[in-house]
Amino acid sequence: MSKITFDDWVEIHNLVARYCLTTDNKDADGFMQCWVDPPDFGGYESGPFGTMKTWQEMYEFEKHHVGPGGMANGKRHQSTNIDIRPLSATEALVTNDMIVLEVAEEPRVIATGRYNDSVVVKTSRGWRFKRRTLEVDSGFFKLAEKMGWTNH
């Protein structure tokens, strides 16, 4: 196994947290700073929210997701069980569980899922996501159907 430094380890953990916090703070520009530059973007498979193949598609999705009427409004995203597996001193795989809480209305868990083997790379701006894949747990789809949610 390749080694990364303790500082790298902490920075990757903070990257995962910043990913959630920027969404919760409706900060699409800050969210995109969690990603590599557009030419290096490796894609985002987001389960029920679709596939974003380019950096610009991801940015447009996030602006809508956190904007007026977007599905992220009134939610709190929590990352747990963060597992970092270094591939080299400048690349690692990160898997983490995601819990989404409703916080604007009656507080409750509304979704869970897992980001499997996200690729993070060390850039001149620090560690950034290159590629992510979200697998949403089946209970979300049951709740979405029950609640009549059709707009992501």
Protein backbone atom coordinates (compact mmCIF):
# COMPACT_ATOMS: atom_id res chain seq x y z
CA MET A 1 0.00 0.00 0.00
CA SER A 2 1.29 3.45 -0.87
CA LYS A 3 1.75 5.98 1.86
CA ILE A 4 0.14 9.36 2.29
CA THR A 5 1.06 11.77 5.03
CA PHE A 6 -1.00 12.48 8.11
CA ASP A 7 -1.66 15.98 6.72
CA ASP A 8 -2.95 14.40 3.50
CA TRP A 9 -5.19 12.10 5.52
CA VAL A 10 -6.68 15.08 7.40
CA GLU A 11 -7.11 17.07 4.19
CA ILE A 12 -9.02 14.22 2.53
CA HIS A 13 -11.32 13.95 5.56
CA ASN A 14 -11.91 17.70 5.38
CA LEU A 15 -12.62 17.42 1.64
CA VAL A 16 -15.40 14.90 2.35
CA ALA A 17 -16.85 17.24 5.01
CA ARG A 18 -16.57 20.33 2.78
CA TYR A 19 -18.42 18.44 0.03
CA CYS A 20 -21.43 18.13 2.37
CA LEU A 21 -21.15 21.55 3.97
CA THR A 22 -21.06 23.44 0.68
CA THR A 23 -24.24 21.66 -0.43
CA ASP A 24 -25.96 22.42 2.88
CA ASN A 25 -24.83 26.05 2.63
CA LYS A 26 -26.19 26.35 -0.94
CA ASP A 27 -22.67 27.16 -2.15
CA ALA A 28 -22.41 25.65 -5.64
CA ASP A 29 -19.15 27.50 -6.33
CA GLY A 30 -17.61 26.19 -3.10
CA PHE A 31 -18.88 22.71 -3.95
CA MET A 32 -17.10 22.82 -7.30
CA GLN A 33 -13.86 23.79 -5.54
CA CYS A 34 -13.98 20.26 -4.08
CA TRP A 35 -13.39 18.92 -7.60
CA VAL A 36 -10.42 18.80 -9.94
CA ASP A 37 -10.24 21.32 -12.77
CA PRO A 38 -12.63 20.73 -15.71
CA PRO A 39 -10.14 18.94 -18.03
CA ASP A 40 -9.34 16.37 -15.30
CA PHE A 41 -12.95 15.71 -14.22
CA GLY A 42 -13.68 11.98 -14.26
CA GLY A 43 -17.46 12.05 -13.85
CA TYR A 44 -20.15 11.71 -11.23
CA GLU A 45 -22.62 8.83 -11.10
CA SER A 46 -25.29 10.04 -8.71
CA GLY A 47 -27.86 7.27 -8.76
CA PRO A 48 -31.33 8.84 -8.91
CA PHE A 49 -29.91 12.22 -9.89
CA GLY A 50 -28.25 11.01 -13.09
CA THR A 51 -24.79 10.95 -14.58
CA MET A 52 -22.63 14.02 -15.01
CA LYS A 53 -19.84 13.38 -17.51
CA THR A 54 -18.33 16.88 -17.51
CA TRP A 55 -17.38 19.43 -14.87
CA GLN A 56 -19.89 21.89 -16.36
CA GLU A 57 -22.73 19.33 -16.14
CA MET A 58 -21.82 18.79 -12.48
CA TYR A 59 -21.84 22.54 -11.84
CA GLU A 60 -25.25 23.01 -13.50
CA PHE A 61 -26.66 20.09 -11.50
CA GLU A 62 -25.34 21.49 -8.20
CA LYS A 63 -26.67 25.00 -8.89
CA HIS A 64 -30.12 23.50 -9.48
CA HIS A 65 -29.81 21.04 -6.56
CA VAL A 66 -29.10 23.81 -4.01
CA GLY A 67 -31.10 26.54 -5.76
CA PRO A 68 -34.75 27.51 -5.30
CA GLY A 69 -36.87 24.37 -5.39
CA GLY A 70 -33.81 22.11 -5.45
CA MET A 71 -33.96 18.85 -3.56
CA ALA A 72 -31.06 19.77 -1.25
CA ASN A 73 -32.96 22.66 0.33
CA GLY A 74 -33.77 22.08 3.97
CA LYS A 75 -31.48 19.07 4.16
CA ARG A 76 -28.33 18.24 6.10
CA HIS A 77 -25.82 15.83 4.57
CA GLN A 78 -23.63 13.75 6.88
CA SER A 79 -20.67 11.58 5.88
CA THR A 80 -19.69 8.67 8.08
CA ASN A 81 -17.43 5.61 7.95
CA ILE A 82 -14.81 7.38 5.83
CA ASP A 83 -12.34 4.83 4.48
CA ILE A 84 -9.25 6.15 2.67
CA ARG A 85 -7.18 3.71 0.63
CA PRO A 86 -4.04 5.32 -0.82
CA LEU A 87 -3.02 4.23 -4.30
CA SER A 88 0.03 6.50 -4.40
CA ALA A 89 1.28 9.64 -2.68
CA THR A 90 -1.06 11.67 -4.94
CA GLU A 91 -4.11 9.44 -5.45
CA ALA A 92 -6.50 7.58 -3.15
CA LEU A 93 -9.85 5.84 -3.14
CA VAL A 94 -12.40 7.05 -0.61
CA THR A 95 -15.56 5.22 0.41
CA ASN A 96 -18.03 6.81 2.80
CA ASP A 97 -21.62 6.42 3.90
CA MET A 98 -24.03 9.31 3.44
CA ILE A 99 -27.00 10.17 5.64
CA VAL A 100 -29.40 12.90 4.52
CA LEU A 101 -31.55 14.52 7.17
CA GLU A 102 -34.65 16.65 6.71
CA VAL A 103 -34.06 19.70 8.92
CA ALA A 104 -36.46 22.38 7.62
CA GLU A 105 -39.56 20.41 8.54
CA GLU A 106 -39.98 17.60 11.04
CA PRO A 107 -36.41 16.32 11.58
CA ARG A 108 -35.91 12.82 10.20
CA VAL A 109 -33.58 10.69 8.11
CA ILE A 110 -34.80 10.79 4.50
CA ALA A 111 -32.01 9.02 2.62
CA THR A 112 -28.93 6.92 3.06
CA GLY A 113 -26.37 5.71 0.60
CA ARG A 114 -22.72 5.08 -0.04
CA TYR A 115 -20.07 6.76 -2.15
CA ASN A 116 -18.00 3.82 -3.36
CA ASP A 117 -14.36 4.24 -4.35
CA SER A 118 -14.37 7.96 -5.03
CA VAL A 119 -11.11 8.92 -6.70
CA VAL A 120 -9.31 11.79 -4.98
CA VAL A 121 -6.09 13.29 -6.29
CA LYS A 122 -3.55 15.70 -4.85
CA THR A 123 -3.44 18.85 -6.97
CA SER A 124 -1.64 22.18 -6.67
CA ARG A 125 -4.78 23.35 -4.79
CA GLY A 126 -4.79 20.35 -2.43
CA TRP A 127 -6.79 17.11 -2.51
CA ARG A 128 -9.79 17.14 -4.86
CA PHE A 129 -12.40 14.71 -6.10
CA LYS A 130 -11.83 13.42 -9.62
CA ARG A 131 -14.67 10.91 -9.80
CA ARG A 132 -17.55 9.86 -7.51
CA THR A 133 -20.23 7.19 -7.59
CA LEU A 134 -23.23 7.38 -5.26
CA GLU A 135 -25.34 4.32 -4.57
CA VAL A 136 -28.55 5.40 -2.86
CA ASP A 137 -30.13 2.80 -0.58
CA SER A 138 -33.49 1.39 -1.71
CA GLY A 139 -35.43 2.93 1.19
CA PHE A 140 -35.03 6.39 -0.38
CA PHE A 141 -36.97 5.31 -3.45
CA LYS A 142 -39.79 3.94 -1.30
CA LEU A 143 -39.96 7.22 0.61
CA ALA A 144 -39.76 9.27 -2.60
CA GLU A 145 -42.69 7.35 -4.06
CA LYS A 146 -44.70 7.70 -0.83
CA MET A 147 -43.97 11.47 -0.67
CA GLY A 148 -44.58 12.07 -4.38
CA TRP A 149 -41.11 13.50 -4.96
CA THR A 150 -40.44 13.85 -8.64
CA ASN A 151 -38.16 16.91 -8.81
CA HIS A 152 -34.49 16.35 -7.97
